[in-house]
Amino acid sequence: MEKSFCTTREAADLLGVSVGTVQLWVESGLLRAWKTTGGHRRVLRESIDALLHHGARPSPKVAPPEPSQGSFRILVVEDDAALQRLYQANLRRWDMTPDVTVVDNAVSALMHIGHASPDLLISDLHMPGVDGFYMLRVLEKSPQVADTTIVVVTGLDAPDIARRGGVPEGVEIFPKPVPFAKLHALALTVQQRKITQNNARKEGDRGPYSDS
C-alpha cells in the first residue's frame, strides 16, 4: 500500500528538486506537511501528487539536461500556446544565443528552478491553477533566485495587479503585447552583469599572490 506521506528526501526525489526546495515549498504552503515529535517533516503524498498533476512535462523524475557552461539561461512561464511559440522564435535569435526553456504553468517553473536557476525569468501572471502571483511569492523567499532577474509580462493593468496583492519589489512589469525589444535590452544588461560577476569571482579565486 502506498504511504500517505513522505520524508522530505522522498518528496525531493519524486519532484526532482533539492531537499531545501521541498522545505521552502512546505514553508510557503505549496506543499502540505507536519512535523513528527522528533522534529522531522512529513509531507502529505496527496499534495505531492497534486503538484505533479499540475507540474512539468516531461516527468520531473527525469532531470532536464544541464545547460552548457557559461550559457545564458532564460525561463519563460506562459500558458498561451501561440505566445510560447512567439517567445521561442524571438528569444533564440538573440545575439547571446540563450538557452531558452518555455513552460506553461507556475508549478513547472518552480520545478525547473529547483533544478537549475535561470539568469532571466519572464512570467505571465494570470494562469490557471497556481498563478504567477503565487509563484512570485514563493520565489521571493528562495535563495535559488538570488541572482535571477525576474520580469512580468501581463495583460493585467496596474489596478488589477494591485488588487491581487502586487508583485515583489524589484520585479519589473511589462504590459502585453510582449515587448521583445525591451526584453532584449534587459537581457543584455543581465548578461553583462553576469560576465562581470564571473570575472570578479575568478579574480577572487586566484587571490592576490597568484601568478599572472
N, C-alpha and C. Protein backbone atom coordinates (compact mmCIF):
# COMPACT_ATOMS: atom_id res chain seq x y z
N MET A 1 0.84 -1.20 0.00
CA MET A 1 0.00 0.00 0.00
C MET A 1 0.88 1.25 0.00
N GLU A 2 0.54 2.21 -0.84
CA GLU A 2 1.32 3.44 -0.94
C GLU A 2 1.15 4.28 0.32
N LYS A 3 2.26 4.77 0.86
CA LYS A 3 2.20 5.61 2.06
C LYS A 3 1.44 6.90 1.78
N SER A 4 0.80 7.43 2.82
CA SER A 4 0.07 8.69 2.68
C SER A 4 0.95 9.89 2.92
N PHE A 5 2.24 9.64 3.24
CA PHE A 5 3.16 10.74 3.49
C PHE A 5 4.56 10.34 3.04
N CYS A 6 5.44 11.33 2.92
CA CYS A 6 6.83 11.10 2.51
C CYS A 6 7.75 11.90 3.40
N THR A 7 8.99 11.45 3.50
CA THR A 7 10.02 12.29 4.09
C THR A 7 10.37 13.40 3.10
N THR A 8 11.08 14.41 3.57
CA THR A 8 11.47 15.48 2.65
C THR A 8 12.41 14.96 1.57
N ARG A 9 13.24 13.98 1.89
CA ARG A 9 14.13 13.39 0.89
C ARG A 9 13.33 12.63 -0.17
N GLU A 10 12.33 11.86 0.27
CA GLU A 10 11.49 11.14 -0.68
C GLU A 10 10.70 12.10 -1.56
N ALA A 11 10.20 13.18 -0.95
CA ALA A 11 9.46 14.18 -1.72
C ALA A 11 10.37 14.85 -2.75
N ALA A 12 11.61 15.13 -2.34
CA ALA A 12 12.57 15.76 -3.26
C ALA A 12 12.85 14.84 -4.45
N ASP A 13 13.01 13.54 -4.18
CA ASP A 13 13.28 12.58 -5.26
C ASP A 13 12.09 12.49 -6.22
N LEU A 14 10.87 12.49 -5.69
CA LEU A 14 9.68 12.41 -6.53
C LEU A 14 9.51 13.64 -7.41
N LEU A 15 9.85 14.81 -6.84
CA LEU A 15 9.64 16.07 -7.55
C LEU A 15 10.84 16.50 -8.38
N GLY A 16 11.98 15.86 -8.17
CA GLY A 16 13.17 16.20 -8.94
C GLY A 16 13.81 17.50 -8.52
N VAL A 17 13.69 17.84 -7.22
CA VAL A 17 14.28 19.07 -6.70
C VAL A 17 15.11 18.74 -5.46
N SER A 18 15.73 19.75 -4.87
CA SER A 18 16.54 19.52 -3.68
C SER A 18 15.67 19.45 -2.43
N VAL A 19 16.24 18.90 -1.36
CA VAL A 19 15.54 18.86 -0.07
C VAL A 19 15.25 20.28 0.41
N GLY A 20 16.20 21.19 0.20
CA GLY A 20 16.00 22.59 0.60
C GLY A 20 14.81 23.21 -0.12
N THR A 21 14.63 22.86 -1.40
CA THR A 21 13.49 23.38 -2.16
C THR A 21 12.18 22.83 -1.60
N VAL A 22 12.15 21.55 -1.26
CA VAL A 22 10.95 20.97 -0.64
C VAL A 22 10.63 21.69 0.66
N GLN A 23 11.65 21.94 1.49
CA GLN A 23 11.42 22.64 2.75
C GLN A 23 10.86 24.04 2.51
N LEU A 24 11.38 24.72 1.50
CA LEU A 24 10.89 26.05 1.15
C LEU A 24 9.43 25.98 0.70
N TRP A 25 9.09 24.99 -0.11
CA TRP A 25 7.72 24.85 -0.60
C TRP A 25 6.76 24.51 0.54
N VAL A 26 7.24 23.76 1.53
CA VAL A 26 6.41 23.48 2.71
C VAL A 26 6.15 24.76 3.49
N GLU A 27 7.21 25.54 3.69
CA GLU A 27 7.07 26.79 4.45
C GLU A 27 6.17 27.80 3.75
N SER A 28 6.16 27.77 2.42
CA SER A 28 5.35 28.71 1.65
C SER A 28 3.92 28.22 1.46
N GLY A 29 3.64 26.96 1.85
CA GLY A 29 2.30 26.41 1.71
C GLY A 29 2.04 25.70 0.40
N LEU A 30 3.06 25.62 -0.47
CA LEU A 30 2.87 24.93 -1.75
C LEU A 30 2.72 23.42 -1.55
N LEU A 31 3.40 22.90 -0.52
CA LEU A 31 3.25 21.51 -0.10
C LEU A 31 2.73 21.48 1.33
N ARG A 32 1.88 20.50 1.62
CA ARG A 32 1.33 20.37 2.97
C ARG A 32 2.13 19.32 3.74
N ALA A 33 2.45 19.65 4.98
CA ALA A 33 3.29 18.76 5.78
C ALA A 33 3.04 19.00 7.26
N TRP A 34 3.59 18.11 8.06
CA TRP A 34 3.58 18.30 9.51
C TRP A 34 4.91 17.81 10.05
N LYS A 35 5.14 18.07 11.35
CA LYS A 35 6.38 17.63 11.98
C LYS A 35 6.08 16.53 12.99
N THR A 36 6.95 15.53 13.01
CA THR A 36 6.84 14.47 14.00
C THR A 36 7.30 15.01 15.35
N THR A 37 7.09 14.22 16.39
CA THR A 37 7.53 14.64 17.73
C THR A 37 9.05 14.81 17.78
N GLY A 38 9.74 14.12 16.87
CA GLY A 38 11.20 14.26 16.80
C GLY A 38 11.65 15.44 15.97
N GLY A 39 10.69 16.20 15.40
CA GLY A 39 11.04 17.40 14.63
C GLY A 39 11.28 17.16 13.16
N HIS A 40 10.94 15.97 12.65
CA HIS A 40 11.14 15.66 11.24
C HIS A 40 9.87 15.96 10.45
N ARG A 41 10.05 16.56 9.26
CA ARG A 41 8.90 16.86 8.42
C ARG A 41 8.39 15.62 7.70
N ARG A 42 7.08 15.54 7.59
CA ARG A 42 6.43 14.51 6.79
C ARG A 42 5.49 15.23 5.83
N VAL A 43 5.69 14.98 4.54
CA VAL A 43 4.95 15.69 3.50
C VAL A 43 3.80 14.82 3.02
N LEU A 44 2.60 15.39 2.97
CA LEU A 44 1.43 14.64 2.50
C LEU A 44 1.62 14.22 1.04
N ARG A 45 1.45 12.92 0.78
CA ARG A 45 1.64 12.42 -0.57
C ARG A 45 0.64 13.05 -1.55
N GLU A 46 -0.57 13.33 -1.08
CA GLU A 46 -1.57 13.90 -1.99
C GLU A 46 -1.18 15.30 -2.44
N SER A 47 -0.45 16.04 -1.60
CA SER A 47 -0.01 17.37 -2.04
C SER A 47 1.12 17.27 -3.05
N ILE A 48 1.96 16.22 -2.92
CA ILE A 48 3.00 15.97 -3.93
C ILE A 48 2.35 15.57 -5.25
N ASP A 49 1.36 14.67 -5.18
CA ASP A 49 0.66 14.23 -6.39
C ASP A 49 -0.04 15.40 -7.08
N ALA A 50 -0.58 16.33 -6.27
CA ALA A 50 -1.24 17.49 -6.85
C ALA A 50 -0.25 18.35 -7.62
N LEU A 51 0.96 18.51 -7.07
CA LEU A 51 2.00 19.26 -7.79
C LEU A 51 2.39 18.56 -9.07
N LEU A 52 2.56 17.25 -8.99
CA LEU A 52 2.93 16.50 -10.19
C LEU A 52 1.84 16.56 -11.25
N HIS A 53 0.60 16.59 -10.81
CA HIS A 53 -0.52 16.68 -11.74
C HIS A 53 -0.51 18.00 -12.50
N HIS A 54 -0.17 19.08 -11.78
CA HIS A 54 -0.11 20.40 -12.42
C HIS A 54 1.26 20.70 -12.99
N GLY A 55 2.21 19.79 -12.78
CA GLY A 55 3.60 20.14 -12.98
C GLY A 55 4.18 19.87 -14.34
N ALA A 56 5.50 19.78 -14.33
CA ALA A 56 6.27 19.78 -15.57
C ALA A 56 6.02 18.53 -16.40
N ARG A 57 6.08 18.73 -17.68
CA ARG A 57 6.09 17.64 -18.66
C ARG A 57 7.35 17.84 -19.51
N PRO A 58 8.25 16.88 -19.64
CA PRO A 58 8.15 15.50 -19.17
C PRO A 58 8.21 15.39 -17.66
N SER A 59 8.06 14.15 -17.17
CA SER A 59 8.01 13.90 -15.73
C SER A 59 9.19 14.53 -15.03
N PRO A 60 8.96 15.17 -13.84
CA PRO A 60 10.06 15.77 -13.11
C PRO A 60 11.08 14.75 -12.60
N LYS A 61 10.73 13.45 -12.64
CA LYS A 61 11.71 12.44 -12.25
C LYS A 61 12.86 12.40 -13.24
N VAL A 62 12.63 12.85 -14.45
CA VAL A 62 13.68 12.90 -15.47
C VAL A 62 14.25 14.30 -15.50
N ALA A 63 15.47 14.45 -15.00
CA ALA A 63 16.06 15.78 -14.89
C ALA A 63 16.32 16.36 -16.27
N PRO A 64 16.03 17.67 -16.44
CA PRO A 64 16.33 18.29 -17.73
C PRO A 64 17.83 18.35 -17.96
N PRO A 65 18.27 18.43 -19.20
CA PRO A 65 19.70 18.45 -19.48
C PRO A 65 20.37 19.67 -18.88
N GLU A 66 21.59 19.47 -18.42
CA GLU A 66 22.35 20.59 -17.87
C GLU A 66 22.68 21.59 -18.96
N PRO A 67 22.51 22.92 -18.68
CA PRO A 67 22.90 23.91 -19.67
C PRO A 67 24.40 23.93 -19.84
N SER A 68 24.85 24.33 -21.02
CA SER A 68 26.28 24.37 -21.27
C SER A 68 26.93 25.43 -20.39
N GLN A 69 28.19 25.19 -20.05
CA GLN A 69 28.94 26.08 -19.17
C GLN A 69 28.97 27.49 -19.75
N GLY A 70 28.59 28.46 -18.93
CA GLY A 70 28.65 29.85 -19.36
C GLY A 70 27.47 30.31 -20.17
N SER A 71 26.48 29.43 -20.43
CA SER A 71 25.34 29.82 -21.24
C SER A 71 24.44 30.78 -20.47
N PHE A 72 23.65 31.54 -21.22
CA PHE A 72 22.70 32.48 -20.62
C PHE A 72 21.34 31.81 -20.62
N ARG A 73 20.79 31.57 -19.44
CA ARG A 73 19.59 30.77 -19.30
C ARG A 73 18.36 31.66 -19.11
N ILE A 74 17.34 31.42 -19.92
CA ILE A 74 16.07 32.14 -19.81
C ILE A 74 14.95 31.12 -19.61
N LEU A 75 14.11 31.40 -18.62
CA LEU A 75 12.92 30.58 -18.38
C LEU A 75 11.69 31.45 -18.61
N VAL A 76 10.80 30.99 -19.47
CA VAL A 76 9.56 31.70 -19.77
C VAL A 76 8.39 30.90 -19.23
N VAL A 77 7.48 31.57 -18.52
CA VAL A 77 6.28 30.92 -17.97
C VAL A 77 5.08 31.58 -18.64
N GLU A 78 4.46 30.85 -19.55
CA GLU A 78 3.34 31.40 -20.33
C GLU A 78 2.44 30.25 -20.76
N ASP A 79 1.12 30.38 -20.47
CA ASP A 79 0.21 29.27 -20.78
C ASP A 79 -0.41 29.37 -22.17
N ASP A 80 -0.26 30.48 -22.85
CA ASP A 80 -0.83 30.63 -24.18
C ASP A 80 0.11 30.00 -25.22
N ALA A 81 -0.38 29.01 -25.96
CA ALA A 81 0.48 28.26 -26.89
C ALA A 81 1.06 29.15 -27.99
N ALA A 82 0.27 30.09 -28.50
CA ALA A 82 0.77 30.98 -29.55
C ALA A 82 1.89 31.86 -29.04
N LEU A 83 1.75 32.37 -27.80
CA LEU A 83 2.80 33.20 -27.22
C LEU A 83 4.04 32.37 -26.89
N GLN A 84 3.85 31.12 -26.52
CA GLN A 84 5.01 30.25 -26.28
C GLN A 84 5.86 30.15 -27.55
N ARG A 85 5.21 29.92 -28.68
CA ARG A 85 5.94 29.82 -29.95
C ARG A 85 6.60 31.14 -30.31
N LEU A 86 5.92 32.25 -30.01
CA LEU A 86 6.47 33.56 -30.30
C LEU A 86 7.72 33.83 -29.47
N TYR A 87 7.66 33.47 -28.18
CA TYR A 87 8.84 33.63 -27.32
C TYR A 87 10.00 32.80 -27.86
N GLN A 88 9.74 31.55 -28.17
CA GLN A 88 10.82 30.68 -28.65
C GLN A 88 11.44 31.21 -29.93
N ALA A 89 10.62 31.66 -30.86
CA ALA A 89 11.11 32.15 -32.14
C ALA A 89 11.96 33.40 -31.97
N ASN A 90 11.55 34.30 -31.08
CA ASN A 90 12.26 35.56 -30.90
C ASN A 90 13.50 35.42 -30.02
N LEU A 91 13.36 34.77 -28.87
CA LEU A 91 14.46 34.73 -27.91
C LEU A 91 15.66 33.94 -28.44
N ARG A 92 15.40 32.89 -29.21
CA ARG A 92 16.50 32.07 -29.70
C ARG A 92 17.28 32.75 -30.82
N ARG A 93 16.77 33.88 -31.32
CA ARG A 93 17.50 34.65 -32.32
C ARG A 93 18.39 35.72 -31.69
N TRP A 94 18.30 35.91 -30.39
CA TRP A 94 19.08 36.96 -29.75
C TRP A 94 20.57 36.67 -29.85
N ASP A 95 21.36 37.74 -29.83
CA ASP A 95 22.79 37.61 -30.11
C ASP A 95 23.55 36.85 -29.03
N MET A 96 23.02 36.76 -27.80
CA MET A 96 23.73 35.98 -26.77
C MET A 96 23.41 34.49 -26.87
N THR A 97 22.62 34.09 -27.89
CA THR A 97 22.21 32.71 -28.11
C THR A 97 21.83 32.02 -26.80
N PRO A 98 20.76 32.49 -26.18
CA PRO A 98 20.41 31.97 -24.85
C PRO A 98 19.89 30.53 -24.90
N ASP A 99 20.01 29.88 -23.76
CA ASP A 99 19.40 28.57 -23.55
C ASP A 99 17.97 28.85 -23.05
N VAL A 100 16.96 28.64 -23.89
CA VAL A 100 15.58 29.05 -23.60
C VAL A 100 14.74 27.83 -23.23
N THR A 101 14.05 27.94 -22.09
CA THR A 101 13.07 26.93 -21.68
C THR A 101 11.73 27.62 -21.52
N VAL A 102 10.69 27.05 -22.12
CA VAL A 102 9.34 27.60 -22.02
C VAL A 102 8.45 26.56 -21.34
N VAL A 103 7.76 26.96 -20.27
CA VAL A 103 6.82 26.07 -19.59
C VAL A 103 5.46 26.75 -19.55
N ASP A 104 4.41 25.95 -19.37
CA ASP A 104 3.06 26.50 -19.48
C ASP A 104 2.35 26.70 -18.14
N ASN A 105 3.06 26.51 -17.03
CA ASN A 105 2.43 26.72 -15.73
C ASN A 105 3.47 27.01 -14.66
N ALA A 106 3.00 27.57 -13.55
CA ALA A 106 3.90 28.01 -12.49
C ALA A 106 4.57 26.86 -11.76
N VAL A 107 3.86 25.74 -11.61
CA VAL A 107 4.46 24.59 -10.92
C VAL A 107 5.63 24.04 -11.72
N SER A 108 5.47 23.93 -13.03
CA SER A 108 6.58 23.50 -13.89
C SER A 108 7.77 24.44 -13.73
N ALA A 109 7.49 25.74 -13.64
CA ALA A 109 8.57 26.72 -13.47
C ALA A 109 9.29 26.52 -12.15
N LEU A 110 8.54 26.30 -11.08
CA LEU A 110 9.16 26.09 -9.77
C LEU A 110 10.02 24.83 -9.76
N MET A 111 9.54 23.78 -10.44
CA MET A 111 10.33 22.55 -10.52
C MET A 111 11.61 22.77 -11.31
N HIS A 112 11.49 23.50 -12.40
CA HIS A 112 12.67 23.80 -13.22
C HIS A 112 13.69 24.61 -12.41
N ILE A 113 13.21 25.63 -11.71
CA ILE A 113 14.10 26.47 -10.91
C ILE A 113 14.73 25.66 -9.79
N GLY A 114 13.96 24.69 -9.24
CA GLY A 114 14.52 23.82 -8.21
C GLY A 114 15.70 23.00 -8.71
N HIS A 115 15.76 22.79 -10.02
CA HIS A 115 16.87 22.03 -10.61
C HIS A 115 18.00 22.96 -11.08
N ALA A 116 17.64 24.06 -11.72
CA ALA A 116 18.66 24.98 -12.25
C ALA A 116 18.05 26.37 -12.36
N SER A 117 18.61 27.32 -11.65
CA SER A 117 18.08 28.68 -11.65
C SER A 117 18.41 29.40 -12.96
N PRO A 118 17.44 30.10 -13.55
CA PRO A 118 17.72 30.85 -14.78
C PRO A 118 18.40 32.19 -14.47
N ASP A 119 19.02 32.77 -15.47
CA ASP A 119 19.54 34.13 -15.33
C ASP A 119 18.41 35.14 -15.47
N LEU A 120 17.44 34.82 -16.32
CA LEU A 120 16.30 35.72 -16.55
C LEU A 120 15.02 34.88 -16.53
N LEU A 121 14.07 35.31 -15.71
CA LEU A 121 12.77 34.66 -15.63
C LEU A 121 11.72 35.63 -16.16
N ILE A 122 10.98 35.20 -17.18
CA ILE A 122 9.91 36.01 -17.77
C ILE A 122 8.60 35.27 -17.52
N SER A 123 7.66 35.91 -16.83
CA SER A 123 6.45 35.18 -16.46
C SER A 123 5.19 35.98 -16.70
N ASP A 124 4.14 35.28 -17.10
CA ASP A 124 2.79 35.82 -17.08
C ASP A 124 2.30 35.78 -15.63
N LEU A 125 1.20 36.48 -15.34
CA LEU A 125 0.62 36.46 -14.01
C LEU A 125 -0.66 35.65 -13.96
N HIS A 126 -1.53 35.87 -14.93
CA HIS A 126 -2.84 35.21 -14.93
C HIS A 126 -2.73 33.86 -15.63
N MET A 127 -2.72 32.79 -14.83
CA MET A 127 -2.62 31.43 -15.35
C MET A 127 -3.54 30.53 -14.54
N PRO A 128 -4.04 29.45 -15.15
CA PRO A 128 -4.90 28.52 -14.39
C PRO A 128 -4.11 27.79 -13.31
N GLY A 129 -4.82 27.37 -12.26
CA GLY A 129 -4.16 26.66 -11.18
C GLY A 129 -3.30 27.60 -10.36
N VAL A 130 -2.07 27.19 -10.10
CA VAL A 130 -1.11 28.05 -9.39
C VAL A 130 -0.70 29.17 -10.33
N ASP A 131 -1.04 30.40 -9.98
CA ASP A 131 -0.78 31.50 -10.91
C ASP A 131 0.57 32.16 -10.65
N GLY A 132 0.87 33.17 -11.47
CA GLY A 132 2.15 33.85 -11.35
C GLY A 132 2.31 34.61 -10.05
N PHE A 133 1.23 35.13 -9.50
CA PHE A 133 1.31 35.85 -8.22
C PHE A 133 1.83 34.93 -7.12
N TYR A 134 1.24 33.73 -7.04
CA TYR A 134 1.66 32.78 -6.01
C TYR A 134 3.10 32.34 -6.25
N MET A 135 3.44 32.05 -7.50
CA MET A 135 4.80 31.63 -7.82
C MET A 135 5.82 32.67 -7.37
N LEU A 136 5.52 33.95 -7.62
CA LEU A 136 6.46 35.01 -7.25
C LEU A 136 6.58 35.14 -5.73
N ARG A 137 5.49 34.89 -5.01
CA ARG A 137 5.56 34.93 -3.54
C ARG A 137 6.43 33.80 -3.01
N VAL A 138 6.35 32.62 -3.66
CA VAL A 138 7.22 31.51 -3.27
C VAL A 138 8.68 31.86 -3.56
N LEU A 139 8.93 32.38 -4.75
CA LEU A 139 10.31 32.70 -5.15
C LEU A 139 10.91 33.82 -4.34
N GLU A 140 10.05 34.70 -3.82
CA GLU A 140 10.55 35.83 -3.02
C GLU A 140 11.35 35.34 -1.81
N LYS A 141 11.03 34.15 -1.32
CA LYS A 141 11.70 33.59 -0.14
C LYS A 141 12.85 32.65 -0.52
N SER A 142 13.06 32.45 -1.81
CA SER A 142 14.00 31.42 -2.25
C SER A 142 15.40 31.98 -2.55
N PRO A 143 16.43 31.43 -1.91
CA PRO A 143 17.80 31.85 -2.24
C PRO A 143 18.23 31.39 -3.63
N GLN A 144 17.47 30.45 -4.23
CA GLN A 144 17.84 29.93 -5.54
C GLN A 144 17.73 30.97 -6.64
N VAL A 145 16.94 32.02 -6.43
CA VAL A 145 16.79 33.05 -7.45
C VAL A 145 17.45 34.36 -7.03
N ALA A 146 18.41 34.26 -6.12
CA ALA A 146 19.10 35.47 -5.65
C ALA A 146 19.80 36.19 -6.80
N ASP A 147 20.28 35.43 -7.79
CA ASP A 147 20.98 36.02 -8.93
C ASP A 147 20.13 36.05 -10.19
N THR A 148 18.83 35.78 -10.05
CA THR A 148 17.92 35.76 -11.19
C THR A 148 17.18 37.08 -11.31
N THR A 149 17.16 37.64 -12.51
CA THR A 149 16.35 38.82 -12.79
C THR A 149 14.97 38.35 -13.22
N ILE A 150 13.93 38.88 -12.55
CA ILE A 150 12.56 38.45 -12.81
C ILE A 150 11.77 39.60 -13.42
N VAL A 151 11.06 39.30 -14.50
CA VAL A 151 10.22 40.30 -15.15
C VAL A 151 8.87 39.66 -15.47
N VAL A 152 7.82 40.45 -15.33
CA VAL A 152 6.46 40.01 -15.61
C VAL A 152 5.99 40.65 -16.91
N VAL A 153 5.39 39.85 -17.79
CA VAL A 153 4.74 40.36 -19.00
C VAL A 153 3.27 39.93 -18.91
N THR A 154 2.37 40.89 -18.78
CA THR A 154 1.00 40.57 -18.44
C THR A 154 -0.02 41.43 -19.18
N GLY A 155 -1.21 40.88 -19.34
CA GLY A 155 -2.32 41.64 -19.88
C GLY A 155 -3.12 42.35 -18.81
N LEU A 156 -2.79 42.11 -17.54
CA LEU A 156 -3.49 42.77 -16.44
C LEU A 156 -3.00 44.21 -16.31
N ASP A 157 -3.91 45.12 -15.94
CA ASP A 157 -3.49 46.50 -15.73
C ASP A 157 -3.07 46.70 -14.27
N ALA A 158 -2.53 47.89 -13.98
CA ALA A 158 -1.97 48.16 -12.65
C ALA A 158 -2.99 47.99 -11.53
N PRO A 159 -4.25 48.48 -11.66
CA PRO A 159 -5.22 48.26 -10.59
C PRO A 159 -5.52 46.79 -10.34
N ASP A 160 -5.60 45.99 -11.41
CA ASP A 160 -5.84 44.55 -11.27
C ASP A 160 -4.69 43.89 -10.51
N ILE A 161 -3.47 44.26 -10.86
CA ILE A 161 -2.29 43.69 -10.19
C ILE A 161 -2.28 44.06 -8.72
N ALA A 162 -2.59 45.31 -8.43
CA ALA A 162 -2.61 45.77 -7.04
C ALA A 162 -3.68 45.05 -6.24
N ARG A 163 -4.87 44.85 -6.83
CA ARG A 163 -5.95 44.17 -6.12
C ARG A 163 -5.60 42.73 -5.77
N ARG A 164 -4.71 42.14 -6.56
CA ARG A 164 -4.33 40.74 -6.32
C ARG A 164 -3.04 40.62 -5.53
N GLY A 165 -2.65 41.71 -4.90
CA GLY A 165 -1.52 41.67 -3.98
C GLY A 165 -0.21 42.18 -4.53
N GLY A 166 -0.19 42.57 -5.82
CA GLY A 166 1.03 43.12 -6.40
C GLY A 166 2.10 42.05 -6.62
N VAL A 167 3.28 42.52 -6.99
CA VAL A 167 4.42 41.63 -7.20
C VAL A 167 5.54 42.06 -6.27
N PRO A 168 6.49 41.17 -5.97
CA PRO A 168 7.59 41.54 -5.07
C PRO A 168 8.41 42.72 -5.58
N GLU A 169 9.02 43.40 -4.66
CA GLU A 169 9.87 44.54 -5.01
C GLU A 169 11.01 44.07 -5.92
N GLY A 170 11.31 44.87 -6.93
CA GLY A 170 12.39 44.54 -7.84
C GLY A 170 11.95 43.79 -9.08
N VAL A 171 10.68 43.34 -9.11
CA VAL A 171 10.15 42.65 -10.30
C VAL A 171 9.57 43.69 -11.24
N GLU A 172 10.13 43.79 -12.43
CA GLU A 172 9.65 44.77 -13.41
C GLU A 172 8.43 44.22 -14.15
N ILE A 173 7.48 45.11 -14.45
CA ILE A 173 6.25 44.71 -15.12
C ILE A 173 6.17 45.35 -16.50
N PHE A 174 5.98 44.52 -17.53
CA PHE A 174 5.76 45.00 -18.88
C PHE A 174 4.35 44.59 -19.32
N PRO A 175 3.61 45.48 -19.98
CA PRO A 175 2.29 45.11 -20.49
C PRO A 175 2.41 44.33 -21.80
N LYS A 176 1.43 43.47 -22.06
CA LYS A 176 1.34 42.81 -23.36
C LYS A 176 0.78 43.81 -24.37
N PRO A 177 1.09 43.69 -25.67
CA PRO A 177 1.84 42.60 -26.30
C PRO A 177 3.30 42.56 -25.87
N VAL A 178 3.90 41.39 -26.00
CA VAL A 178 5.25 41.17 -25.48
C VAL A 178 6.23 42.17 -26.10
N PRO A 179 6.90 42.99 -25.25
CA PRO A 179 7.85 44.00 -25.77
C PRO A 179 9.24 43.40 -25.95
N PHE A 180 9.45 42.69 -27.05
CA PHE A 180 10.69 41.95 -27.23
C PHE A 180 11.93 42.85 -27.25
N ALA A 181 11.80 44.05 -27.77
CA ALA A 181 12.97 44.95 -27.79
C ALA A 181 13.40 45.31 -26.37
N LYS A 182 12.43 45.58 -25.50
CA LYS A 182 12.76 45.91 -24.10
C LYS A 182 13.32 44.69 -23.37
N LEU A 183 12.76 43.53 -23.65
CA LEU A 183 13.27 42.32 -23.02
C LEU A 183 14.70 42.02 -23.47
N HIS A 184 14.97 42.28 -24.74
CA HIS A 184 16.33 42.06 -25.27
C HIS A 184 17.32 43.00 -24.59
N ALA A 185 16.95 44.26 -24.45
CA ALA A 185 17.83 45.22 -23.78
C ALA A 185 18.08 44.81 -22.33
N LEU A 186 17.03 44.34 -21.65
CA LEU A 186 17.19 43.88 -20.28
C LEU A 186 18.09 42.66 -20.21
N ALA A 187 17.92 41.72 -21.15
CA ALA A 187 18.74 40.52 -21.18
C ALA A 187 20.21 40.86 -21.38
N LEU A 188 20.50 41.83 -22.23
CA LEU A 188 21.89 42.24 -22.45
C LEU A 188 22.51 42.81 -21.16
N THR A 189 21.72 43.59 -20.42
CA THR A 189 22.19 44.14 -19.15
C THR A 189 22.47 43.02 -18.15
N VAL A 190 21.55 42.07 -18.07
CA VAL A 190 21.72 40.94 -17.14
C VAL A 190 22.93 40.11 -17.53
N GLN A 191 23.11 39.88 -18.82
CA GLN A 191 24.26 39.11 -19.27
C GLN A 191 25.57 39.80 -18.93
N GLN A 192 25.63 41.10 -19.15
CA GLN A 192 26.86 41.84 -18.85
C GLN A 192 27.16 41.78 -17.35
N ARG A 193 26.11 41.88 -16.53
CA ARG A 193 26.31 41.79 -15.08
C ARG A 193 26.84 40.41 -14.70
N LYS A 194 26.31 39.37 -15.35
CA LYS A 194 26.77 38.01 -15.07
C LYS A 194 28.24 37.85 -15.44
N ILE A 195 28.63 38.39 -16.59
CA ILE A 195 30.04 38.30 -17.02
C ILE A 195 30.95 39.02 -16.02
N THR A 196 30.52 40.20 -15.58
CA THR A 196 31.31 40.97 -14.61
C THR A 196 31.45 40.21 -13.30
N GLN A 197 30.35 39.62 -12.82
CA GLN A 197 30.38 38.86 -11.57
C GLN A 197 31.27 37.62 -11.69
N ASN A 198 31.18 36.92 -12.82
CA ASN A 198 32.01 35.73 -13.03
C ASN A 198 33.49 36.09 -13.08
N ASN A 199 33.81 37.20 -13.72
CA ASN A 199 35.20 37.64 -13.79
C ASN A 199 35.72 38.00 -12.40
N ALA A 200 34.86 38.65 -11.61
CA ALA A 200 35.25 39.04 -10.25
C ALA A 200 35.49 37.80 -9.39
N ARG A 201 34.66 36.77 -9.57
CA ARG A 201 34.84 35.54 -8.81
C ARG A 201 36.15 34.86 -9.19
N LYS A 202 36.45 34.85 -10.50
CA LYS A 202 37.70 34.24 -10.95
C LYS A 202 38.90 34.95 -10.36
N GLU A 203 38.85 36.28 -10.34
CA GLU A 203 39.94 37.05 -9.76
C GLU A 203 40.08 36.75 -8.28
N GLY A 204 38.93 36.61 -7.60
CA GLY A 204 38.96 36.29 -6.18
C GLY A 204 39.53 34.92 -5.92
N ASP A 205 39.22 33.96 -6.79
CA ASP A 205 39.75 32.60 -6.63
C ASP A 205 41.25 32.56 -6.83
N ARG A 206 41.75 33.41 -7.71
CA ARG A 206 43.18 33.44 -7.97
C ARG A 206 43.94 34.00 -6.77
N GLY A 207 43.33 34.95 -6.07
CA GLY A 207 43.96 35.51 -4.89
C GLY A 207 45.01 36.55 -5.26
N PRO A 208 45.42 37.37 -4.28
CA PRO A 208 46.35 38.47 -4.55
C PRO A 208 47.77 38.01 -4.88
N TYR A 209 48.12 36.75 -4.55
CA TYR A 209 49.51 36.31 -4.75
C TYR A 209 49.62 35.27 -5.86
N SER A 210 48.54 35.10 -6.64
CA SER A 210 48.60 34.14 -7.75
C SER A 210 49.47 34.66 -8.87
N ASP A 211 50.11 33.71 -9.58
CA ASP A 211 50.91 34.10 -10.75
C ASP A 211 49.97 34.62 -11.82
N SER A 212 50.38 35.64 -12.56
CA SER A 212 49.58 36.19 -13.65
C SER A 212 49.92 35.47 -14.93
